[in-house]
Structure formats: C-alpha cells, structure tokens
C-alpha atoms as a PDB file:
ATOM      1  CA  UNK A   1      18.396  -1.473  -9.132  1.00  0.00           C
ATOM      2  CA  UNK A   2      21.954  -2.023  -7.917  1.00  0.00           C
ATOM      3  CA  UNK A   3      20.840  -5.063  -5.883  1.00  0.00           C
ATOM      4  CA  UNK A   4      19.442  -6.615  -9.063  1.00  0.00           C
ATOM      5  CA  UNK A   5      22.520  -5.748 -11.115  1.00  0.00           C
ATOM      6  CA  UNK A   6      24.680  -7.560  -8.559  1.00  0.00           C
ATOM      7  CA  UNK A   7      22.531 -10.694  -8.956  1.00  0.00           C
ATOM      8  CA  UNK A   8      21.598 -11.242 -12.625  1.00  0.00           C
ATOM      9  CA  UNK A   9      19.685 -14.399 -11.680  1.00  0.00           C
ATOM     10  CA  UNK A  10      17.090 -12.180  -9.959  1.00  0.00           C
ATOM     11  CA  UNK A  11      16.641 -10.102 -13.123  1.00  0.00           C
ATOM     12  CA  UNK A  12      16.206 -13.342 -15.068  1.00  0.00           C
ATOM     13  CA  UNK A  13      13.461 -14.560 -12.681  1.00  0.00           C
ATOM     14  CA  UNK A  14      11.669 -11.194 -12.814  1.00  0.00           C
ATOM     15  CA  UNK A  15      11.875 -11.112 -16.618  1.00  0.00           C
ATOM     16  CA  UNK A  16      10.537 -14.671 -16.849  1.00  0.00           C
ATOM     17  CA  UNK A  17       7.600 -13.707 -14.628  1.00  0.00           C
ATOM     18  CA  UNK A  18       6.882 -10.635 -16.783  1.00  0.00           C
ATOM     19  CA  UNK A  19       7.064 -12.699 -19.976  1.00  0.00           C
ATOM     20  CA  UNK A  20       4.792 -15.401 -18.537  1.00  0.00           C
ATOM     21  CA  UNK A  21       2.151 -13.031 -17.130  1.00  0.00           C
ATOM     22  CA  UNK A  22       2.324  -9.969 -19.416  1.00  0.00           C
ATOM     23  CA  UNK A  23       4.125 -11.142 -22.530  1.00  0.00           C
ATOM     24  CA  UNK A  24       6.123  -8.837 -24.770  1.00  0.00           C
ATOM     25  CA  UNK A  25       3.325  -7.115 -26.640  1.00  0.00           C
ATOM     26  CA  UNK A  26       2.245  -4.527 -24.049  1.00  0.00           C
ATOM     27  CA  UNK A  27       3.275  -2.517 -20.993  1.00  0.00           C
ATOM     28  CA  UNK A  28       2.594  -3.661 -17.438  1.00  0.00           C
ATOM     29  CA  UNK A  29      -0.604  -2.107 -16.079  1.00  0.00           C
ATOM     30  CA  UNK A  30      -1.654  -1.588 -12.479  1.00  0.00           C
ATOM     31  CA  UNK A  31      -4.218  -4.398 -12.751  1.00  0.00           C
ATOM     32  CA  UNK A  32      -1.343  -6.806 -13.524  1.00  0.00           C
ATOM     33  CA  UNK A  33       0.514  -6.233 -10.249  1.00  0.00           C
ATOM     34  CA  UNK A  34      -1.510  -8.790  -8.282  1.00  0.00           C
ATOM     35  CA  UNK A  35      -0.316 -11.443 -10.757  1.00  0.00           C
ATOM     36  CA  UNK A  36       3.378 -10.574 -10.303  1.00  0.00           C
ATOM     37  CA  UNK A  37       4.377 -12.031  -6.910  1.00  0.00           C
ATOM     38  CA  UNK A  38       8.111 -12.067  -7.649  1.00  0.00           C
ATOM     39  CA  UNK A  39       8.118  -8.396  -8.689  1.00  0.00           C
ATOM     40  CA  UNK A  40       6.154  -7.639  -5.493  1.00  0.00           C
ATOM     41  CA  UNK A  41       8.727  -9.597  -3.465  1.00  0.00           C
ATOM     42  CA  UNK A  42      11.560  -7.587  -5.058  1.00  0.00           C
ATOM     43  CA  UNK A  43       9.826  -4.327  -4.060  1.00  0.00           C
ATOM     44  CA  UNK A  44       9.318  -5.502  -0.463  1.00  0.00           C
ATOM     45  CA  UNK A  45      12.899  -6.748  -0.169  1.00  0.00           C
ATOM     46  CA  UNK A  46      14.157  -3.431  -1.545  1.00  0.00           C
ATOM     47  CA  UNK A  47      12.150  -1.521   1.064  1.00  0.00           C
ATOM     48  CA  UNK A  48      13.465  -3.838   3.791  1.00  0.00           C
ATOM     49  CA  UNK A  49      17.128  -3.413   2.823  1.00  0.00           C
ATOM     50  CA  UNK A  50      16.968   0.239   1.746  1.00  0.00           C
ATOM     51  CA  UNK A  51      14.141   2.053   3.560  1.00  0.00           C
ATOM     52  CA  UNK A  52      13.304   5.496   2.176  1.00  0.00           C
ATOM     53  CA  UNK A  53      12.937   6.805   5.734  1.00  0.00           C
ATOM     54  CA  UNK A  54      15.407   5.381   8.248  1.00  0.00           C
ATOM     55  CA  UNK A  55      13.796   6.820  11.395  1.00  0.00           C
ATOM     56  CA  UNK A  56      10.001   7.091  11.427  1.00  0.00           C
ATOM     57  CA  UNK A  57       8.422  10.255  12.888  1.00  0.00           C
ATOM     58  CA  UNK A  58       8.450  10.151  16.703  1.00  0.00           C
ATOM     59  CA  UNK A  59       5.517   8.909  18.753  1.00  0.00           C
ATOM     60  CA  UNK A  60       4.733  10.364  22.185  1.00  0.00           C
ATOM     61  CA  UNK A  61       3.604   8.040  24.982  1.00  0.00           C
ATOM     62  CA  UNK A  62       0.433   9.609  26.403  1.00  0.00           C
ATOM     63  CA  UNK A  63       0.382   7.241  29.381  1.00  0.00           C
ATOM     64  CA  UNK A  64       2.689   4.807  31.148  1.00  0.00           C
ATOM     65  CA  UNK A  65       2.811   1.554  29.180  1.00  0.00           C
ATOM     66  CA  UNK A  66       4.700  -1.665  28.764  1.00  0.00           C
ATOM     67  CA  UNK A  67       5.706  -2.619  25.233  1.00  0.00           C
ATOM     68  CA  UNK A  68       7.349  -6.003  24.656  1.00  0.00           C
ATOM     69  CA  UNK A  69       8.579  -6.059  28.255  1.00  0.00           C
ATOM     70  CA  UNK A  70       9.915  -2.489  28.200  1.00  0.00           C
ATOM     71  CA  UNK A  71       8.445   0.165  30.496  1.00  0.00           C
ATOM     72  CA  UNK A  72       7.635   3.314  28.524  1.00  0.00           C
ATOM     73  CA  UNK A  73       6.878   6.297  30.751  1.00  0.00           C
ATOM     74  CA  UNK A  74       4.281   8.925  29.909  1.00  0.00           C
ATOM     75  CA  UNK A  75       5.894  11.746  27.911  1.00  0.00           C
ATOM     76  CA  UNK A  76       8.579   9.535  26.354  1.00  0.00           C
ATOM     77  CA  UNK A  77       9.342  10.113  22.679  1.00  0.00           C
ATOM     78  CA  UNK A  78       9.597   6.798  20.840  1.00  0.00           C
ATOM     79  CA  UNK A  79      11.538   6.572  17.578  1.00  0.00           C
ATOM     80  CA  UNK A  80      11.316   3.533  15.270  1.00  0.00           C
ATOM     81  CA  UNK A  81      14.501   2.718  13.352  1.00  0.00           C
ATOM     82  CA  UNK A  82      13.353   0.923  10.187  1.00  0.00           C
ATOM     83  CA  UNK A  83      16.933   0.506   8.934  1.00  0.00           C
ATOM     84  CA  UNK A  84      17.861  -1.438  12.058  1.00  0.00           C
ATOM     85  CA  UNK A  85      14.686  -3.534  11.906  1.00  0.00           C
ATOM     86  CA  UNK A  86      15.459  -4.522   8.322  1.00  0.00           C
ATOM     87  CA  UNK A  87      18.841  -5.867   9.421  1.00  0.00           C
ATOM     88  CA  UNK A  88      17.794  -7.552  12.661  1.00  0.00           C
ATOM     89  CA  UNK A  89      18.719 -11.270  12.623  1.00  0.00           C
ATOM     90  CA  UNK A  90      15.921 -11.883  15.153  1.00  0.00           C
ATOM     91  CA  UNK A  91      13.419 -10.784  12.496  1.00  0.00           C
ATOM     92  CA  UNK A  92      15.134 -11.895   9.289  1.00  0.00           C
ATOM     93  CA  UNK A  93      17.223 -14.914   8.353  1.00  0.00           C
ATOM     94  CA  UNK A  94      20.509 -13.715   6.799  1.00  0.00           C
ATOM     95  CA  UNK A  95      19.361 -10.061   6.867  1.00  0.00           C
ATOM     96  CA  UNK A  96      22.379  -8.705   4.975  1.00  0.00           C
ATOM     97  CA  UNK A  97      21.492 -10.762   1.894  1.00  0.00           C
ATOM     98  CA  UNK A  98      19.135  -9.414  -0.769  1.00  0.00           C
ATOM     99  CA  UNK A  99      16.676 -12.319  -1.124  1.00  0.00           C
ATOM    100  CA  UNK A 100      13.235 -11.463  -2.517  1.00  0.00           C
ATOM    101  CA  UNK A 101      12.213 -15.111  -2.046  1.00  0.00           C
ATOM    102  CA  UNK A 102      11.728 -14.422   1.675  1.00  0.00           C
ATOM    103  CA  UNK A 103       8.488 -12.613   0.708  1.00  0.00           C
ATOM    104  CA  UNK A 104       7.071 -15.351  -1.532  1.00  0.00           C
ATOM    105  CA  UNK A 105       4.250 -17.535  -0.317  1.00  0.00           C
ATOM    106  CA  UNK A 106       1.864 -16.677   2.477  1.00  0.00           C
ATOM    107  CA  UNK A 107       4.226 -14.638   4.659  1.00  0.00           C
ATOM    108  CA  UNK A 108       1.491 -12.348   5.962  1.00  0.00           C
ATOM    109  CA  UNK A 109       3.856  -9.378   5.594  1.00  0.00           C
ATOM    110  CA  UNK A 110       2.139  -6.338   4.117  1.00  0.00           C
ATOM    111  CA  UNK A 111       3.074  -2.698   3.518  1.00  0.00           C
ATOM    112  CA  UNK A 112       0.052  -1.245   5.315  1.00  0.00           C
ATOM    113  CA  UNK A 113       1.689  -1.069   8.752  1.00  0.00           C
ATOM    114  CA  UNK A 114       0.258  -4.298  10.168  1.00  0.00           C
ATOM    115  CA  UNK A 115       3.508  -6.267   9.824  1.00  0.00           C
ATOM    116  CA  UNK A 116       5.908  -4.714  12.279  1.00  0.00           C
ATOM    117  CA  UNK A 117       8.943  -6.361  10.658  1.00  0.00           C
ATOM    118  CA  UNK A 118       8.472  -4.143   7.596  1.00  0.00           C
ATOM    119  CA  UNK A 119       7.243  -0.563   8.069  1.00  0.00           C
ATOM    120  CA  UNK A 120       8.366   1.424   5.013  1.00  0.00           C
ATOM    121  CA  UNK A 121       5.387   3.790   5.372  1.00  0.00           C
ATOM    122  CA  UNK A 122       4.998   3.704   9.169  1.00  0.00           C
ATOM    123  CA  UNK A 123       1.892   2.381  10.905  1.00  0.00           C
ATOM    124  CA  UNK A 124      -1.235   3.402  12.736  1.00  0.00           C
ATOM    125  CA  UNK A 125      -2.469   6.984  12.753  1.00  0.00           C
ATOM    126  CA  UNK A 126       1.030   8.222  11.911  1.00  0.00           C
ATOM    127  CA  UNK A 127       1.249   6.109   8.744  1.00  0.00           C
ATOM    128  CA  UNK A 128       2.146   7.968   5.564  1.00  0.00           C
ATOM    129  CA  UNK A 129      -1.209   9.287   4.264  1.00  0.00           C
ATOM    130  CA  UNK A 130      -0.118   8.905   0.638  1.00  0.00           C
ATOM    131  CA  UNK A 131       1.306   5.383   0.960  1.00  0.00           C
ATOM    132  CA  UNK A 132      -0.272   4.372  -2.353  1.00  0.00           C
ATOM    133  CA  UNK A 133       1.501   7.237  -4.096  1.00  0.00           C
ATOM    134  CA  UNK A 134       4.776   6.033  -2.587  1.00  0.00           C
ATOM    135  CA  UNK A 135       4.696   3.175  -5.051  1.00  0.00           C
ATOM    136  CA  UNK A 136       4.515   5.557  -8.034  1.00  0.00           C
ATOM    137  CA  UNK A 137       7.570   6.721  -9.937  1.00  0.00           C
ATOM    138  CA  UNK A 138       8.872  10.241  -9.467  1.00  0.00           C
ATOM    139  CA  UNK A 139      12.088  12.131  -9.964  1.00  0.00           C
ATOM    140  CA  UNK A 140      13.983  12.814  -6.770  1.00  0.00           C
ATOM    141  CA  UNK A 141      17.297  13.361  -5.067  1.00  0.00           C
ATOM    142  CA  UNK A 142      19.679  10.395  -5.029  1.00  0.00           C
ATOM    143  CA  UNK A 143      23.109   9.720  -3.629  1.00  0.00           C
ATOM    144  CA  UNK A 144      25.661   8.680  -6.247  1.00  0.00           C
ATOM    145  CA  UNK A 145      27.304   5.302  -5.730  1.00  0.00           C
ATOM    146  CA  UNK A 146      30.893   5.154  -4.506  1.00  0.00           C
ATOM    147  CA  UNK A 147      31.664   2.673  -7.285  1.00  0.00           C
ATOM    148  CA  UNK A 148      29.491   3.427 -10.337  1.00  0.00           C
ATOM    149  CA  UNK A 149      27.671   0.502 -11.889  1.00  0.00           C
ATOM    150  CA  UNK A 150      27.512   0.139 -15.627  1.00  0.00           C
ATOM    151  CA  UNK A 151      24.346  -1.436 -16.965  1.00  0.00           C
ATOM    152  CA  UNK A 152      23.669  -2.246 -20.586  1.00  0.00           C
ATOM    153  CA  UNK A 153      19.946  -2.084 -21.188  1.00  0.00           C
ATOM    154  CA  UNK A 154      18.343  -4.344 -23.757  1.00  0.00           C
ATOM    155  CA  UNK A 155      14.753  -3.620 -24.806  1.00  0.00           C
ATOM    156  CA  UNK A 156      12.314  -6.242 -23.564  1.00  0.00           C
ATOM    157  CA  UNK A 157       9.355  -5.080 -25.651  1.00  0.00           C
ATOM    158  CA  UNK A 158       9.071  -4.432 -29.385  1.00  0.00           C
ATOM    159  CA  UNK A 159      10.370  -1.016 -30.496  1.00  0.00           C
ATOM    160  CA  UNK A 160       6.904   0.268 -31.506  1.00  0.00           C
ATOM    161  CA  UNK A 161       5.777   0.099 -27.851  1.00  0.00           C
ATOM    162  CA  UNK A 162       8.385   2.610 -26.715  1.00  0.00           C
END
C-alpha cells in the first residue's frame, strides 16, 4: 500500500481500471480478476519488490550438477534469495523503481514457479502448496514504518454496499 501512496498516479490508474471493468455498483469478485491486468501487475510488482519470504527453503543437490555455469557438488545446500533477485539489474530494468507496467502485456511471467525472475511462492516440488491461498487476505504480523504514512480513504462504492 505504501508504494501506491507514494505514487498517486498508480492509484488513479487502478481506480480507472476498476471503474471501467467493475463499475461502482458492486464488489470485485474472483471471476473479475482475469479482466484486471493493471491490478494483477500491481500485485506482481509488489511481490517482486517486497517478497513475503526473502530466502526460499533450501534445496539439497542429490548429485553433482552444473547450473548456469556453476558447479554444484552433491550434498550442497542451495538457497534462493528472492529479495536479491527482485533487485537484480540483470533481470529487471530500474529494479529499485516500483513500476507495475513492467508486468503488462505478454511478459510470460507467472506466479506458479515457471518464471525464475519472480518466485514469491518458490518453484518445483518445494513450491508453497497453498499458493492460491497466499493471494487471500488474512490478518498477520507487520513491521511498523519508520515514517508513518497518513492516508485519507474515500469510499469508491455507494454506502449501501459497505
């Protein structure tokens, strides 16, 4: 949310998409998500910049292998640093900028572990088994911001829908 508050133009684009696709007479439903590419791009960009899990669970090499030119000996524990990947300029243009537009169009980047630039839920057999639930809302532990943000919320839908 703080990334959006720092860039009101992104909130405006997301609101315009919601108004165009959903309107202001009902709540967003799961079936609507496929028609909201900008909202989807915001979620992917958020997971790229602020991964929920910084280091994925370790993988153990069961045999000697070569991965991307690196020799990995049998018995080696391999850790994947998703935070570092999300900020790698070899993978992302201007990685320190929050730009959902990088996920618009046919990027081929998914959240199912097939796009190794973005692995918020891991990949392969070690992928989070409840990845779909990871996109649901839930209460949890958060770290307070060093400099609190003040947001003034304005209702988007008619009062009777709340």
